[in-house]
Protein backbone atom coordinates (compact mmCIF):
# COMPACT_ATOMS: atom_id res chain seq x y z
CA UNK A 1 114.00 152.92 126.48
CA UNK A 2 112.43 156.36 125.87
CA UNK A 3 109.34 156.49 124.73
CA UNK A 4 106.87 159.70 123.64
CA UNK A 5 103.24 159.05 125.86
CA UNK A 6 100.75 160.63 126.94
CA UNK A 7 98.96 160.27 130.91
CA UNK A 8 95.35 161.27 129.74
CA UNK A 9 93.81 162.75 126.84
CA UNK A 10 94.80 166.02 125.63
CA UNK A 11 96.35 168.40 123.57
CA UNK A 12 99.81 168.08 121.80
CA UNK A 13 101.98 169.99 124.02
CA UNK A 14 100.45 167.16 126.78
CA UNK A 15 103.03 164.50 125.09
CA UNK A 16 106.41 163.79 127.40
CA UNK A 17 109.15 162.08 126.45
CA UNK A 18 109.60 159.45 129.23
CA UNK A 19 112.09 157.02 130.30
CA UNK A 20 110.32 153.94 131.23
CA UNK A 21 111.00 149.80 131.37
CA UNK A 22 111.63 148.35 128.00
CA UNK A 23 108.74 146.05 127.15
CA UNK A 24 108.73 142.35 127.55
CA UNK A 25 107.42 140.19 125.04
CA UNK A 26 105.06 138.09 125.59
CA UNK A 27 104.14 134.44 124.18
CA UNK A 28 103.27 135.02 120.62
CA UNK A 29 105.20 138.84 120.58
CA UNK A 30 107.71 140.21 118.89
CA UNK A 31 110.24 142.85 120.53
CA UNK A 32 111.73 145.57 117.87
CA UNK A 33 114.10 148.15 118.08
CA UNK A 34 112.60 150.81 115.79
CA UNK A 35 114.68 152.88 113.58
CA UNK A 36 111.67 155.09 112.39
CA UNK A 37 108.20 155.30 113.21
CA UNK A 38 105.41 157.18 110.63
CA UNK A 39 102.94 159.32 111.65
CA UNK A 40 99.38 159.48 111.27
CA UNK A 41 96.13 161.95 111.25
CA UNK A 42 95.10 159.58 113.27
CA UNK A 43 97.94 159.46 116.10
CA UNK A 44 96.36 163.74 116.61
CA UNK A 45 92.63 161.90 116.83
CA UNK A 46 93.52 159.26 119.69
CA UNK A 47 95.53 161.95 121.24
CA UNK A 48 92.85 164.17 121.22
CA UNK A 49 90.24 161.70 122.24
CA UNK A 50 88.43 161.26 119.20
CA UNK A 51 88.55 158.00 118.91
CA UNK A 52 87.76 156.63 122.31
CA UNK A 53 84.49 155.31 121.26
CA UNK A 54 86.50 152.54 119.17
CA UNK A 55 89.84 152.84 120.76
CA UNK A 56 90.04 153.24 123.97
CA UNK A 57 93.07 153.83 125.59
CA UNK A 58 95.18 152.75 129.16
CA UNK A 59 97.09 155.39 130.13
CA UNK A 60 99.62 155.61 130.24
CA UNK A 61 99.68 155.38 126.46
CA UNK A 62 102.82 154.85 124.07
CA UNK A 63 101.64 157.25 120.42
CA UNK A 64 102.31 155.98 117.40
CA UNK A 65 101.42 152.59 114.91
CA UNK A 66 103.81 152.56 111.81
CA UNK A 67 106.84 151.17 112.63
CA UNK A 68 110.07 149.79 110.66
CA UNK A 69 113.23 148.21 112.45
CA UNK A 70 115.51 145.30 113.46
CA UNK A 71 114.17 142.19 115.59
CA UNK A 72 115.74 142.20 119.23
CA UNK A 73 113.58 139.27 120.66
CA UNK A 74 110.52 136.95 120.01
CA UNK A 75 108.05 134.90 122.51
CA UNK A 76 108.74 130.91 122.69
CA UNK A 77 105.43 130.52 120.11
CA UNK A 78 107.12 133.13 117.16
CA UNK A 79 107.90 130.97 113.84
CA UNK A 80 107.47 133.68 111.57
CA UNK A 81 110.59 136.43 112.24
CA UNK A 82 113.62 135.52 114.56
CA UNK A 83 116.13 138.04 116.33
CA UNK A 84 118.04 139.94 113.46
CA UNK A 85 115.36 140.22 111.31
CA UNK A 86 114.32 143.79 109.63
CA UNK A 87 110.48 144.38 109.79
CA UNK A 88 107.80 146.16 109.23
CA UNK A 89 104.39 146.43 111.59
CA UNK A 90 101.03 148.50 112.54
CA UNK A 91 100.18 148.09 116.12
CA UNK A 92 96.68 148.02 117.17
CA UNK A 93 95.63 151.66 118.09
CA UNK A 94 94.53 151.21 120.65
CA UNK A 95 98.25 149.51 122.13
CA UNK A 96 99.95 151.95 120.17
CA UNK A 97 103.60 152.13 121.18
CA UNK A 98 105.01 152.82 118.26
CA UNK A 99 107.00 156.26 119.21
CA UNK A 100 109.51 154.55 121.39
CA UNK A 101 113.19 152.91 121.22
CA UNK A 102 111.50 149.45 121.75
CA UNK A 103 108.34 147.57 121.06
CA UNK A 104 106.63 144.55 121.35
CA UNK A 105 103.99 143.48 119.04
CA UNK A 106 101.84 140.68 118.53
CA UNK A 107 103.59 138.70 115.83
CA UNK A 108 100.50 138.11 113.29
CA UNK A 109 100.91 142.39 112.57
CA UNK A 110 104.90 141.88 111.85
CA UNK A 111 105.95 141.34 108.40
CA UNK A 112 109.55 140.61 107.46
CA UNK A 113 111.08 142.72 104.80
CA UNK A 114 114.29 142.81 102.27
CA UNK A 115 117.41 144.18 103.41
CA UNK A 116 117.62 145.71 100.08
CA UNK A 117 115.90 148.77 100.87
CA UNK A 118 116.95 151.14 104.09
CA UNK A 119 114.58 150.97 106.82
CA UNK A 120 113.49 154.40 106.85
CA UNK A 121 111.45 154.18 103.46
CA UNK A 122 109.61 151.00 104.44
CA UNK A 123 107.97 152.58 107.65
CA UNK A 124 105.35 154.76 106.48
CA UNK A 125 104.26 151.67 104.46
CA UNK A 126 101.80 150.28 107.02
CA UNK A 127 99.24 152.25 106.98
CA UNK A 128 99.54 154.99 103.95
CA UNK A 129 100.20 152.21 101.74
CA UNK A 130 98.40 149.63 102.91
CA UNK A 131 95.35 152.21 102.89
CA UNK A 132 96.35 152.78 99.17
CA UNK A 133 96.13 149.26 98.44
CA UNK A 134 92.45 148.44 100.79
CA UNK A 135 90.81 151.35 99.03
CA UNK A 136 91.95 150.57 95.18
CA UNK A 137 91.96 146.78 94.83
CA UNK A 138 89.59 145.69 97.86
CA UNK A 139 86.80 148.74 98.04
CA UNK A 140 87.39 149.94 95.00
CA UNK A 141 87.89 146.88 92.83
CA UNK A 142 90.06 149.24 90.09
CA UNK A 143 90.60 147.87 86.59
CA UNK A 144 93.04 148.42 83.58
CA UNK A 145 91.76 151.11 81.98
CA UNK A 146 89.58 152.71 84.14
CA UNK A 147 89.92 156.13 85.23
CA UNK A 148 90.61 157.37 88.73
CA UNK A 149 91.12 160.48 90.44
CA UNK A 150 92.77 160.90 93.49
CA UNK A 151 92.72 163.72 95.74
CA UNK A 152 96.08 164.93 97.79
CA UNK A 153 98.06 162.49 95.64
CA UNK A 154 101.17 164.13 96.80
CA UNK A 155 100.13 162.72 100.32
CA UNK A 156 100.53 159.64 102.41
CA UNK A 157 97.98 157.98 101.14
CA UNK A 158 98.07 159.57 97.60
CA UNK A 159 102.04 159.05 96.62
CA UNK A 160 101.00 155.34 96.54
CA UNK A 161 97.40 155.29 95.50
CA UNK A 162 98.52 157.03 92.67
CA UNK A 163 101.65 154.62 92.04
CA UNK A 164 99.52 151.09 92.81
CA UNK A 165 96.30 152.32 90.21
CA UNK A 166 99.21 153.22 87.45
CA UNK A 167 100.42 150.04 88.14
CA UNK A 168 97.03 148.08 87.95
CA UNK A 169 96.86 149.77 84.10
CA UNK A 170 94.16 152.67 85.31
CA UNK A 171 94.37 156.00 83.82
CA UNK A 172 95.77 158.05 86.77
CA UNK A 173 94.40 162.11 87.68
CA UNK A 174 96.10 163.37 90.54
CA UNK A 175 95.04 166.76 92.74
CA UNK A 176 98.01 168.49 94.10
CA UNK A 177 99.77 171.61 94.99
CA UNK A 178 101.82 173.58 92.21
CA UNK A 179 104.90 172.79 94.11
CA UNK A 180 103.82 168.85 93.89
CA UNK A 181 102.40 168.74 91.04
CA UNK A 182 106.11 167.14 88.98
CA UNK A 183 106.38 164.96 91.65
CA UNK A 184 103.22 163.35 91.27
CA UNK A 185 103.88 163.24 87.62
CA UNK A 186 107.06 161.25 88.80
CA UNK A 187 104.56 158.51 90.50
CA UNK A 188 102.76 157.69 87.23
CA UNK A 189 99.99 160.15 87.02
CA UNK A 190 98.60 160.56 83.96
CA UNK A 191 97.35 164.04 83.98
CA UNK A 192 97.68 166.26 87.74
CA UNK A 193 95.43 169.43 88.82
CA UNK A 194 96.75 172.17 90.76
CA UNK A 195 93.90 171.97 93.11
CA UNK A 196 94.63 175.93 94.10
CA UNK A 197 94.33 176.89 91.37
CA UNK A 198 92.24 174.85 88.69
CA UNK A 199 89.10 173.13 89.36
CA UNK A 200 88.90 170.11 89.20
CA UNK A 201 85.76 169.27 88.13
CA UNK A 202 86.46 170.70 84.90
CA UNK A 203 89.64 168.75 83.77
CA UNK A 204 87.89 165.41 85.09
CA UNK A 205 84.45 163.65 84.59
CA UNK A 206 82.79 160.33 83.77
CA UNK A 207 85.60 158.22 86.37
CA UNK A 208 85.04 154.93 87.62
CA UNK A 209 86.24 155.48 90.75
CA UNK A 210 87.89 158.35 93.18
CA UNK A 211 89.86 157.80 96.48
CA UNK A 212 89.12 160.98 98.38
CA UNK A 213 91.56 161.59 101.61
CA UNK A 214 90.15 165.13 102.11
CA UNK A 215 86.86 164.92 102.67
CA UNK A 216 83.64 167.69 103.25
CA UNK A 217 83.22 170.13 99.77
CA UNK A 218 86.01 168.16 97.96
CA UNK A 219 83.83 164.68 98.21
CA UNK A 220 80.89 166.27 97.62
CA UNK A 221 82.50 168.37 94.58
CA UNK A 222 83.63 164.52 93.58
CA UNK A 223 80.41 163.28 93.01
CA UNK A 224 79.78 165.31 90.10
CA UNK A 225 82.45 164.05 88.03
CA UNK A 226 81.76 159.66 88.60
CA UNK A 227 79.62 157.91 86.07
CA UNK A 228 76.68 156.39 87.43
CA UNK A 229 77.71 152.96 88.25
CA UNK A 230 81.39 154.57 89.37
CA UNK A 231 82.70 154.62 93.16
CA UNK A 232 83.88 157.16 95.89
CA UNK A 233 85.78 155.97 98.82
CA UNK A 234 86.62 158.13 101.17
CA UNK A 235 89.27 158.11 103.87
CA UNK A 236 88.52 161.10 105.80
CA UNK A 237 85.79 160.97 107.79
CA UNK A 238 82.19 158.81 107.76
CA UNK A 239 80.15 160.90 105.19
CA UNK A 240 76.66 160.34 103.97
CA UNK A 241 76.41 157.73 101.05
CA UNK A 242 72.76 157.59 100.66
CA UNK A 243 72.79 161.11 98.47
CA UNK A 244 75.22 159.32 96.45
CA UNK A 245 73.47 156.15 96.49
CA UNK A 246 70.40 157.73 95.15
CA UNK A 247 72.72 158.85 92.32
CA UNK A 248 74.02 155.46 91.34
CA UNK A 249 76.93 155.71 92.74
CA UNK A 250 78.62 152.97 95.40
CA UNK A 251 79.76 155.16 98.30
CA UNK A 252 81.91 153.82 100.53
CA UNK A 253 83.96 155.34 103.78
CA UNK A 254 87.11 153.36 104.50
CA UNK A 255 88.12 152.77 107.65
CA UNK A 256 91.67 150.78 107.29
CA UNK A 257 92.53 148.05 109.86
CA UNK A 258 95.26 146.02 110.15
CA UNK A 259 95.97 143.29 108.14
CA UNK A 260 99.27 141.46 107.79
CA UNK A 261 98.55 139.36 104.66
CA UNK A 262 97.80 143.05 103.00
CA UNK A 263 100.92 144.58 104.50
CA UNK A 264 103.05 141.17 102.76
CA UNK A 265 101.60 142.43 99.45
CA UNK A 266 102.57 145.74 100.04
CA UNK A 267 106.24 144.92 101.03
CA UNK A 268 106.67 143.17 97.91
CA UNK A 269 105.85 145.14 95.74
CA UNK A 270 108.40 147.97 97.78
CA UNK A 271 110.89 145.59 97.08
CA UNK A 272 110.06 144.11 93.58
CA UNK A 273 109.28 147.04 91.63
CA UNK A 274 110.45 150.06 94.15
CA UNK A 275 106.91 151.22 95.07
CA UNK A 276 108.63 154.73 96.08
CA UNK A 277 108.30 155.96 99.39
CA UNK A 278 107.78 160.11 99.48
CA UNK A 279 109.28 161.22 102.95
CA UNK A 280 108.53 164.81 103.34
CA UNK A 281 110.22 165.56 106.96
CA UNK A 282 112.36 163.76 109.40
CA UNK A 283 112.03 164.51 112.95
CA UNK A 284 113.59 162.99 116.20
CA UNK A 285 111.94 161.05 119.01
CA UNK A 286 112.43 163.92 121.63
CA UNK A 287 110.46 166.11 118.85
CA UNK A 288 107.73 164.07 118.44
CA UNK A 289 104.98 166.77 119.48
CA UNK A 290 106.40 169.16 117.32
CA UNK A 291 106.38 166.41 114.19
CA UNK A 292 102.40 166.18 115.05
CA UNK A 293 102.03 169.73 115.48
CA UNK A 294 103.65 169.75 112.12
CA UNK A 295 100.91 167.52 110.24
CA UNK A 296 98.03 168.33 111.71
CA UNK A 297 98.06 171.75 109.80
CA UNK A 298 97.64 169.56 106.79
CA UNK A 299 99.12 169.74 103.07
CA UNK A 300 102.33 167.11 104.33
CA UNK A 301 104.20 166.25 101.10
CA UNK A 302 104.92 162.30 101.87
CA UNK A 303 105.39 160.35 104.78
CA UNK A 304 106.29 162.37 108.47
CA UNK A 305 108.84 160.35 109.84
CA UNK A 306 110.51 159.92 113.82
CA UNK A 307 113.58 158.90 113.20
CA UNK A 308 114.44 156.70 116.89
């Protein structure tokens, strides 16, 4: 089979498309024929070695964590899925394996999905939609009637967060570029802010919750528009939480962790209420390096996929 691999920490140009033996599923593994895999900012961080203290990689390493495909075979201890089932999964980042024609994934990380939706539209759920769910409902504890600001509302996490927050009964404000304002409105945002031409701090105040995937100055300026007792959930990078705490703001850095129960809930929403998966770009597996280079530039609309 073909797999997008790296043989040491390095740069995007070091990615190679190798021909390798197909993985053999272990006792509790599921062998999946990958149809689509979704890219995440973490992929570039893993490649560069920025996360090696948290996720040390064994080389050669096959990139990618998010995938959608069809079960080919299962280990003898697997009872949750069977060959022919359509599934999505998020692999352990230290294991990777999604950017390949076949992937062996522990059954506890695999979730069956309905035949009603194209697999490509589901490939972006494992990290982006599940992170949005975790930020809103687990860390943010969003409630009906609360005011929520979601930065980068057209991005991978943001586009799901807008939909989930609106479904939860919140009043949703989102930032986006001018080209994406209509998209974010269509996802359910009550108010949209052109972040390049409008100062979001003048359009929102007294907020109950801010979901930030950008970090830096955007995160710092967001503190000024959150009410005392409100919450700030940052997903970009760790940040100082003591300053916000002194201002009466519950600020948390959210590091997304795989959870099959959460992913199953998201997958059910995608089927039952047509949670929209915004797909910005599609690349072939052979163009993995080009896809990651595009993602590294920032400002991506929705999810970037590899079509395997």
